[in-house]
Amino acid sequence: MFVRKVGLAVWLNQLKMARHLRKFGNVHYVSRRMRYAILYVDKDKVQDIISRLNRLNYVKKVEPSHWHELRTDFQSKPDKVKEYPY
């Protein structure tokens, strides 16, 4: 069965330490300019991993992703521009 994953934004003091995040989950993206990493972890282990990451000295803060809260099914509506004759 599929394991539900949750994204975490991990803000780092040192970008070199982004390698060490691999032991906590799947590192999806690392931003060099803004010094953060997107990390995907199992949904049932989120609180444990957040508390472990916050204890590390090279982590500024950890924010959970709100992507799963957004509605992703969209309805197509007709374009209003096509209704008006010129």
PDB file of N, CA and C in Angstrom:
ATOM      1  N   MET A   1       0.835  -1.180   0.000  1.00  0.00           N
ATOM      2  CA  MET A   1       0.000   0.000   0.000  1.00  0.00           C
ATOM      3  C   MET A   1       0.882   1.247   0.000  1.00  0.00           C
ATOM      4  N   PHE A   2       0.325   2.347  -0.408  1.00  0.00           N
ATOM      5  CA  PHE A   2       1.069   3.597  -0.448  1.00  0.00           C
ATOM      6  C   PHE A   2       1.133   4.222   0.939  1.00  0.00           C
ATOM      7  N   VAL A   3       2.276   4.769   1.269  1.00  0.00           N
ATOM      8  CA  VAL A   3       2.465   5.466   2.532  1.00  0.00           C
ATOM      9  C   VAL A   3       2.254   6.947   2.268  1.00  0.00           C
ATOM     10  N   ARG A   4       1.400   7.583   3.071  1.00  0.00           N
ATOM     11  CA  ARG A   4       1.143   9.013   2.910  1.00  0.00           C
ATOM     12  C   ARG A   4       2.372   9.803   3.347  1.00  0.00           C
ATOM     13  N   LYS A   5       2.774  10.747   2.514  1.00  0.00           N
ATOM     14  CA  LYS A   5       3.943  11.576   2.797  1.00  0.00           C
ATOM     15  C   LYS A   5       3.498  13.007   3.061  1.00  0.00           C
ATOM     16  N   VAL A   6       4.265  13.696   3.877  1.00  0.00           N
ATOM     17  CA  VAL A   6       4.008  15.097   4.202  1.00  0.00           C
ATOM     18  C   VAL A   6       5.298  15.858   3.926  1.00  0.00           C
ATOM     19  N   GLY A   7       5.165  17.035   3.321  1.00  0.00           N
ATOM     20  CA  GLY A   7       6.329  17.853   3.030  1.00  0.00           C
ATOM     21  C   GLY A   7       6.685  18.752   4.194  1.00  0.00           C
ATOM     22  N   LEU A   8       7.975  18.920   4.419  1.00  0.00           N
ATOM     23  CA  LEU A   8       8.483  19.817   5.448  1.00  0.00           C
ATOM     24  C   LEU A   8       9.467  20.781   4.806  1.00  0.00           C
ATOM     25  N   ALA A   9       9.346  22.056   5.135  1.00  0.00           N
ATOM     26  CA  ALA A   9      10.333  23.043   4.712  1.00  0.00           C
ATOM     27  C   ALA A   9      11.297  23.227   5.877  1.00  0.00           C
ATOM     28  N   VAL A  10      12.556  22.907   5.650  1.00  0.00           N
ATOM     29  CA  VAL A  10      13.579  22.973   6.692  1.00  0.00           C
ATOM     30  C   VAL A  10      14.517  24.115   6.343  1.00  0.00           C
ATOM     31  N   TRP A  11      14.519  25.163   7.168  1.00  0.00           N
ATOM     32  CA  TRP A  11      15.384  26.321   6.960  1.00  0.00           C
ATOM     33  C   TRP A  11      16.718  26.048   7.645  1.00  0.00           C
ATOM     34  N   LEU A  12      17.812  26.243   6.914  1.00  0.00           N
ATOM     35  CA  LEU A  12      19.138  25.847   7.383  1.00  0.00           C
ATOM     36  C   LEU A  12      20.036  27.051   7.629  1.00  0.00           C
ATOM     37  N   ASN A  13      20.940  26.922   8.607  1.00  0.00           N
ATOM     38  CA  ASN A  13      21.979  27.924   8.822  1.00  0.00           C
ATOM     39  C   ASN A  13      23.119  27.721   7.835  1.00  0.00           C
ATOM     40  N   GLN A  14      23.488  26.463   7.611  1.00  0.00           N
ATOM     41  CA  GLN A  14      24.570  26.122   6.701  1.00  0.00           C
ATOM     42  C   GLN A  14      24.028  25.175   5.639  1.00  0.00           C
ATOM     43  N   LEU A  15      24.183  25.541   4.409  1.00  0.00           N
ATOM     44  CA  LEU A  15      23.652  24.735   3.312  1.00  0.00           C
ATOM     45  C   LEU A  15      24.393  23.412   3.159  1.00  0.00           C
ATOM     46  N   LYS A  16      25.628  23.377   3.607  1.00  0.00           N
ATOM     47  CA  LYS A  16      26.418  22.158   3.512  1.00  0.00           C
ATOM     48  C   LYS A  16      25.785  21.012   4.304  1.00  0.00           C
ATOM     49  N   MET A  17      25.023  21.346   5.323  1.00  0.00           N
ATOM     50  CA  MET A  17      24.411  20.334   6.180  1.00  0.00           C
ATOM     51  C   MET A  17      23.138  19.727   5.581  1.00  0.00           C
ATOM     52  N   ALA A  18      22.745  20.148   4.395  1.00  0.00           N
ATOM     53  CA  ALA A  18      21.546  19.594   3.760  1.00  0.00           C
ATOM     54  C   ALA A  18      21.720  18.110   3.453  1.00  0.00           C
ATOM     55  N   ARG A  19      22.960  17.666   3.318  1.00  0.00           N
ATOM     56  CA  ARG A  19      23.223  16.241   3.079  1.00  0.00           C
ATOM     57  C   ARG A  19      22.742  15.381   4.239  1.00  0.00           C
ATOM     58  N   HIS A  20      22.846  15.906   5.454  1.00  0.00           N
ATOM     59  CA  HIS A  20      22.502  15.132   6.642  1.00  0.00           C
ATOM     60  C   HIS A  20      20.998  14.943   6.805  1.00  0.00           C
ATOM     61  N   LEU A  21      20.207  15.658   6.025  1.00  0.00           N
ATOM     62  CA  LEU A  21      18.753  15.519   6.119  1.00  0.00           C
ATOM     63  C   LEU A  21      18.258  14.231   5.479  1.00  0.00           C
ATOM     64  N   ARG A  22      19.107  13.549   4.725  1.00  0.00           N
ATOM     65  CA  ARG A  22      18.695  12.311   4.050  1.00  0.00           C
ATOM     66  C   ARG A  22      18.274  11.226   5.028  1.00  0.00           C
ATOM     67  N   LYS A  23      18.825  11.231   6.232  1.00  0.00           N
ATOM     68  CA  LYS A  23      18.476  10.177   7.186  1.00  0.00           C
ATOM     69  C   LYS A  23      17.097  10.385   7.807  1.00  0.00           C
ATOM     70  N   PHE A  24      16.489  11.563   7.604  1.00  0.00           N
ATOM     71  CA  PHE A  24      15.159  11.836   8.141  1.00  0.00           C
ATOM     72  C   PHE A  24      14.050  11.570   7.138  1.00  0.00           C
ATOM     73  N   GLY A  25      14.352  11.642   5.844  1.00  0.00           N
ATOM     74  CA  GLY A  25      13.338  11.432   4.812  1.00  0.00           C
ATOM     75  C   GLY A  25      13.924  11.687   3.435  1.00  0.00           C
ATOM     76  N   ASN A  26      13.043  11.854   2.456  1.00  0.00           N
ATOM     77  CA  ASN A  26      13.465  12.095   1.076  1.00  0.00           C
ATOM     78  C   ASN A  26      13.652  13.589   0.854  1.00  0.00           C
ATOM     79  N   VAL A  27      14.865  13.989   0.499  1.00  0.00           N
ATOM     80  CA  VAL A  27      15.151  15.392   0.196  1.00  0.00           C
ATOM     81  C   VAL A  27      14.733  15.624  -1.247  1.00  0.00           C
ATOM     82  N   HIS A  28      13.726  16.484  -1.431  1.00  0.00           N
ATOM     83  CA  HIS A  28      13.179  16.724  -2.764  1.00  0.00           C
ATOM     84  C   HIS A  28      13.858  17.904  -3.451  1.00  0.00           C
ATOM     85  N   TYR A  29      14.137  18.968  -2.706  1.00  0.00           N
ATOM     86  CA  TYR A  29      14.679  20.183  -3.307  1.00  0.00           C
ATOM     87  C   TYR A  29      15.510  20.921  -2.270  1.00  0.00           C
ATOM     88  N   VAL A  30      16.604  21.536  -2.714  1.00  0.00           N
ATOM     89  CA  VAL A  30      17.435  22.373  -1.851  1.00  0.00           C
ATOM     90  C   VAL A  30      17.644  23.699  -2.561  1.00  0.00           C
ATOM     91  N   SER A  31      17.261  24.794  -1.910  1.00  0.00           N
ATOM     92  CA  SER A  31      17.447  26.127  -2.467  1.00  0.00           C
ATOM     93  C   SER A  31      18.743  26.703  -1.920  1.00  0.00           C
ATOM     94  N   ARG A  32      19.653  27.018  -2.815  1.00  0.00           N
ATOM     95  CA  ARG A  32      20.933  27.575  -2.380  1.00  0.00           C
ATOM     96  C   ARG A  32      20.790  29.027  -1.948  1.00  0.00           C
ATOM     97  N   ARG A  33      20.004  29.778  -2.682  1.00  0.00           N
ATOM     98  CA  ARG A  33      19.882  31.198  -2.391  1.00  0.00           C
ATOM     99  C   ARG A  33      19.123  31.466  -1.097  1.00  0.00           C
ATOM    100  N   MET A  34      18.019  30.739  -0.884  1.00  0.00           N
ATOM    101  CA  MET A  34      17.189  30.999   0.293  1.00  0.00           C
ATOM    102  C   MET A  34      17.542  30.080   1.467  1.00  0.00           C
ATOM    103  N   ARG A  35      18.425  29.128   1.246  1.00  0.00           N
ATOM    104  CA  ARG A  35      18.928  28.195   2.268  1.00  0.00           C
ATOM    105  C   ARG A  35      17.814  27.432   2.979  1.00  0.00           C
ATOM    106  N   TYR A  36      17.044  26.706   2.191  1.00  0.00           N
ATOM    107  CA  TYR A  36      16.048  25.803   2.762  1.00  0.00           C
ATOM    108  C   TYR A  36      16.015  24.523   1.940  1.00  0.00           C
ATOM    109  N   ALA A  37      15.423  23.490   2.530  1.00  0.00           N
ATOM    110  CA  ALA A  37      15.289  22.205   1.853  1.00  0.00           C
ATOM    111  C   ALA A  37      13.864  21.716   2.023  1.00  0.00           C
ATOM    112  N   ILE A  38      13.329  21.075   0.984  1.00  0.00           N
ATOM    113  CA  ILE A  38      12.015  20.438   1.053  1.00  0.00           C
ATOM    114  C   ILE A  38      12.254  18.955   1.302  1.00  0.00           C
ATOM    115  N   LEU A  39      11.653  18.470   2.367  1.00  0.00           N
ATOM    116  CA  LEU A  39      11.872  17.108   2.829  1.00  0.00           C
ATOM    117  C   LEU A  39      10.531  16.405   2.929  1.00  0.00           C
ATOM    118  N   TYR A  40      10.418  15.203   2.370  1.00  0.00           N
ATOM    119  CA  TYR A  40       9.184  14.419   2.462  1.00  0.00           C
ATOM    120  C   TYR A  40       9.386  13.280   3.457  1.00  0.00           C
ATOM    121  N   VAL A  41       8.456  13.198   4.432  1.00  0.00           N
ATOM    122  CA  VAL A  41       8.526  12.174   5.476  1.00  0.00           C
ATOM    123  C   VAL A  41       7.177  11.474   5.584  1.00  0.00           C
ATOM    124  N   ASP A  42       7.159  10.313   6.252  1.00  0.00           N
ATOM    125  CA  ASP A  42       5.917   9.584   6.466  1.00  0.00           C
ATOM    126  C   ASP A  42       4.990  10.384   7.377  1.00  0.00           C
ATOM    127  N   LYS A  43       3.691  10.309   7.101  1.00  0.00           N
ATOM    128  CA  LYS A  43       2.716  11.108   7.833  1.00  0.00           C
ATOM    129  C   LYS A  43       2.648  10.728   9.310  1.00  0.00           C
ATOM    130  N   ASP A  44       2.834   9.450   9.632  1.00  0.00           N
ATOM    131  CA  ASP A  44       2.729   9.034  11.024  1.00  0.00           C
ATOM    132  C   ASP A  44       3.971   9.381  11.851  1.00  0.00           C
ATOM    133  N   LYS A  45       5.072   9.785  11.209  1.00  0.00           N
ATOM    134  CA  LYS A  45       6.306  10.127  11.920  1.00  0.00           C
ATOM    135  C   LYS A  45       6.603  11.624  11.920  1.00  0.00           C
ATOM    136  N   VAL A  46       5.665  12.447  11.482  1.00  0.00           N
ATOM    137  CA  VAL A  46       5.931  13.875  11.275  1.00  0.00           C
ATOM    138  C   VAL A  46       6.321  14.578  12.570  1.00  0.00           C
ATOM    139  N   GLN A  47       5.536  14.419  13.625  1.00  0.00           N
ATOM    140  CA  GLN A  47       5.807  15.146  14.865  1.00  0.00           C
ATOM    141  C   GLN A  47       7.140  14.735  15.478  1.00  0.00           C
ATOM    142  N   ASP A  48       7.481  13.470  15.395  1.00  0.00           N
ATOM    143  CA  ASP A  48       8.757  12.997  15.924  1.00  0.00           C
ATOM    144  C   ASP A  48       9.922  13.598  15.146  1.00  0.00           C
ATOM    145  N   ILE A  49       9.804  13.631  13.824  1.00  0.00           N
ATOM    146  CA  ILE A  49      10.888  14.151  12.991  1.00  0.00           C
ATOM    147  C   ILE A  49      11.023  15.661  13.148  1.00  0.00           C
ATOM    148  N   ILE A  50       9.911  16.379  13.290  1.00  0.00           N
ATOM    149  CA  ILE A  50       9.984  17.829  13.494  1.00  0.00           C
ATOM    150  C   ILE A  50      10.709  18.143  14.795  1.00  0.00           C
ATOM    151  N   SER A  51      10.402  17.415  15.850  1.00  0.00           N
ATOM    152  CA  SER A  51      11.072  17.672  17.130  1.00  0.00           C
ATOM    153  C   SER A  51      12.557  17.313  17.059  1.00  0.00           C
ATOM    154  N   ARG A  52      12.899  16.246  16.330  1.00  0.00           N
ATOM    155  CA  ARG A  52      14.311  15.882  16.175  1.00  0.00           C
ATOM    156  C   ARG A  52      15.062  16.908  15.331  1.00  0.00           C
ATOM    157  N   LEU A  53      14.414  17.434  14.287  1.00  0.00           N
ATOM    158  CA  LEU A  53      15.075  18.430  13.437  1.00  0.00           C
ATOM    159  C   LEU A  53      15.278  19.749  14.177  1.00  0.00           C
ATOM    160  N   ASN A  54      14.327  20.142  15.000  1.00  0.00           N
ATOM    161  CA  ASN A  54      14.456  21.402  15.736  1.00  0.00           C
ATOM    162  C   ASN A  54      15.593  21.369  16.746  1.00  0.00           C
ATOM    163  N   ARG A  55      16.003  20.190  17.190  1.00  0.00           N
ATOM    164  CA  ARG A  55      17.108  20.076  18.143  1.00  0.00           C
ATOM    165  C   ARG A  55      18.474  20.244  17.488  1.00  0.00           C
ATOM    166  N   LEU A  56      18.546  20.123  16.166  1.00  0.00           N
ATOM    167  CA  LEU A  56      19.832  20.223  15.475  1.00  0.00           C
ATOM    168  C   LEU A  56      20.287  21.674  15.421  1.00  0.00           C
ATOM    169  N   ASN A  57      21.601  21.894  15.589  1.00  0.00           N
ATOM    170  CA  ASN A  57      22.103  23.267  15.653  1.00  0.00           C
ATOM    171  C   ASN A  57      22.185  23.937  14.290  1.00  0.00           C
ATOM    172  N   TYR A  58      22.141  23.202  13.199  1.00  0.00           N
ATOM    173  CA  TYR A  58      22.207  23.816  11.872  1.00  0.00           C
ATOM    174  C   TYR A  58      20.833  24.066  11.265  1.00  0.00           C
ATOM    175  N   VAL A  59      19.750  23.821  12.017  1.00  0.00           N
ATOM    176  CA  VAL A  59      18.384  24.043  11.537  1.00  0.00           C
ATOM    177  C   VAL A  59      17.821  25.286  12.217  1.00  0.00           C
ATOM    178  N   LYS A  60      17.370  26.266  11.411  1.00  0.00           N
ATOM    179  CA  LYS A  60      16.739  27.468  11.966  1.00  0.00           C
ATOM    180  C   LYS A  60      15.319  27.175  12.416  1.00  0.00           C
ATOM    181  N   LYS A  61      14.508  26.651  11.489  1.00  0.00           N
ATOM    182  CA  LYS A  61      13.120  26.318  11.813  1.00  0.00           C
ATOM    183  C   LYS A  61      12.608  25.285  10.823  1.00  0.00           C
ATOM    184  N   VAL A  62      11.523  24.632  11.221  1.00  0.00           N
ATOM    185  CA  VAL A  62      10.892  23.605  10.394  1.00  0.00           C
ATOM    186  C   VAL A  62       9.422  23.964  10.252  1.00  0.00           C
ATOM    187  N   GLU A  63       8.937  24.017   9.015  1.00  0.00           N
ATOM    188  CA  GLU A  63       7.536  24.349   8.755  1.00  0.00           C
ATOM    189  C   GLU A  63       6.886  23.208   7.978  1.00  0.00           C
ATOM    190  N   PRO A  64       5.731  22.726   8.427  1.00  0.00           N
ATOM    191  CA  PRO A  64       5.029  21.700   7.640  1.00  0.00           C
ATOM    192  C   PRO A  64       4.379  22.319   6.411  1.00  0.00           C
ATOM    193  N   SER A  65       4.259  21.536   5.365  1.00  0.00           N
ATOM    194  CA  SER A  65       3.642  21.994   4.131  1.00  0.00           C
ATOM    195  C   SER A  65       2.121  21.991   4.274  1.00  0.00           C
ATOM    196  N   HIS A  66       1.473  22.947   3.651  1.00  0.00           N
ATOM    197  CA  HIS A  66       0.016  23.039   3.684  1.00  0.00           C
ATOM    198  C   HIS A  66      -0.601  22.586   2.365  1.00  0.00           C
ATOM    199  N   TRP A  67       0.175  21.891   1.542  1.00  0.00           N
ATOM    200  CA  TRP A  67      -0.297  21.450   0.236  1.00  0.00           C
ATOM    201  C   TRP A  67      -1.476  20.497   0.356  1.00  0.00           C
ATOM    202  N   HIS A  68      -1.468  19.626   1.356  1.00  0.00           N
ATOM    203  CA  HIS A  68      -2.551  18.651   1.506  1.00  0.00           C
ATOM    204  C   HIS A  68      -3.855  19.309   1.950  1.00  0.00           C
ATOM    205  N   GLU A  69      -3.806  20.549   2.434  1.00  0.00           N
ATOM    206  CA  GLU A  69      -5.008  21.266   2.844  1.00  0.00           C
ATOM    207  C   GLU A  69      -5.681  21.989   1.679  1.00  0.00           C
ATOM    208  N   LEU A  70      -4.959  22.191   0.587  1.00  0.00           N
ATOM    209  CA  LEU A  70      -5.506  22.905  -0.559  1.00  0.00           C
ATOM    210  C   LEU A  70      -6.378  21.993  -1.408  1.00  0.00           C
ATOM    211  N   ARG A  71      -7.409  22.587  -1.987  1.00  0.00           N
ATOM    212  CA  ARG A  71      -8.275  21.836  -2.893  1.00  0.00           C
ATOM    213  C   ARG A  71      -7.593  21.749  -4.258  1.00  0.00           C
ATOM    214  N   THR A  72      -7.495  20.556  -4.803  1.00  0.00           N
ATOM    215  CA  THR A  72      -6.790  20.387  -6.072  1.00  0.00           C
ATOM    216  C   THR A  72      -7.693  19.937  -7.210  1.00  0.00           C
ATOM    217  N   ASP A  73      -8.998  19.820  -6.973  1.00  0.00           N
ATOM    218  CA  ASP A  73      -9.907  19.485  -8.071  1.00  0.00           C
ATOM    219  C   ASP A  73     -10.576  20.774  -8.537  1.00  0.00           C
ATOM    220  N   PHE A  74     -10.352  21.121  -9.776  1.00  0.00           N
ATOM    221  CA  PHE A  74     -10.826  22.380 -10.327  1.00  0.00           C
ATOM    222  C   PHE A  74     -11.893  22.126 -11.379  1.00  0.00           C
ATOM    223  N   GLN A  75     -12.801  23.068 -11.508  1.00  0.00           N
ATOM    224  CA  GLN A  75     -13.826  22.992 -12.538  1.00  0.00           C
ATOM    225  C   GLN A  75     -13.496  24.029 -13.596  1.00  0.00           C
ATOM    226  N   SER A  76     -13.703  23.655 -14.848  1.00  0.00           N
ATOM    227  CA  SER A  76     -13.450  24.626 -15.899  1.00  0.00           C
ATOM    228  C   SER A  76     -14.709  25.461 -16.105  1.00  0.00           C
ATOM    229  N   LYS A  77     -14.536  26.758 -16.103  1.00  0.00           N
ATOM    230  CA  LYS A  77     -15.646  27.682 -16.311  1.00  0.00           C
ATOM    231  C   LYS A  77     -15.467  28.334 -17.680  1.00  0.00           C
ATOM    232  N   PRO A  78     -16.561  28.649 -18.361  1.00  0.00           N
ATOM    233  CA  PRO A  78     -16.425  29.289 -19.675  1.00  0.00           C
ATOM    234  C   PRO A  78     -15.803  30.677 -19.545  1.00  0.00           C
ATOM    235  N   ASP A  79     -15.052  31.027 -20.548  1.00  0.00           N
ATOM    236  CA  ASP A  79     -14.371  32.308 -20.559  1.00  0.00           C
ATOM    237  C   ASP A  79     -15.373  33.413 -20.866  1.00  0.00           C
ATOM    238  N   LYS A  80     -15.393  34.467 -20.050  1.00  0.00           N
ATOM    239  CA  LYS A  80     -16.363  35.548 -20.233  1.00  0.00           C
ATOM    240  C   LYS A  80     -16.027  36.425 -21.437  1.00  0.00           C
ATOM    241  N   VAL A  81     -14.799  36.441 -21.854  1.00  0.00           N
ATOM    242  CA  VAL A  81     -14.400  37.271 -22.984  1.00  0.00           C
ATOM    243  C   VAL A  81     -15.086  36.783 -24.258  1.00  0.00           C
ATOM    244  N   LYS A  82     -15.299  35.508 -24.388  1.00  0.00           N
ATOM    245  CA  LYS A  82     -15.914  34.955 -25.590  1.00  0.00           C
ATOM    246  C   LYS A  82     -17.409  35.252 -25.659  1.00  0.00           C
ATOM    247  N   GLU A  83     -18.017  35.646 -24.561  1.00  0.00           N
ATOM    248  CA  GLU A  83     -19.448  35.921 -24.548  1.00  0.00           C
ATOM    249  C   GLU A  83     -19.790  37.272 -25.169  1.00  0.00           C
ATOM    250  N   TYR A  84     -18.862  38.207 -25.147  1.00  0.00           N
ATOM    251  CA  TYR A  84     -19.155  39.551 -25.632  1.00  0.00           C
ATOM    252  C   TYR A  84     -18.759  39.695 -27.103  1.00  0.00           C
ATOM    253  N   PRO A  85     -19.697  40.092 -27.975  1.00  0.00           N
ATOM    254  CA  PRO A  85     -19.336  40.326 -29.388  1.00  0.00           C
ATOM    255  C   PRO A  85     -18.651  41.687 -29.534  1.00  0.00           C
ATOM    256  N   TYR A  86     -17.753  41.785 -30.479  1.00  0.00           N
ATOM    257  CA  TYR A  86     -17.040  43.040 -30.705  1.00  0.00           C
ATOM    258  C   TYR A  86     -17.551  43.724 -31.930  1.00  0.00           C
TER     259      TYR A  86
END
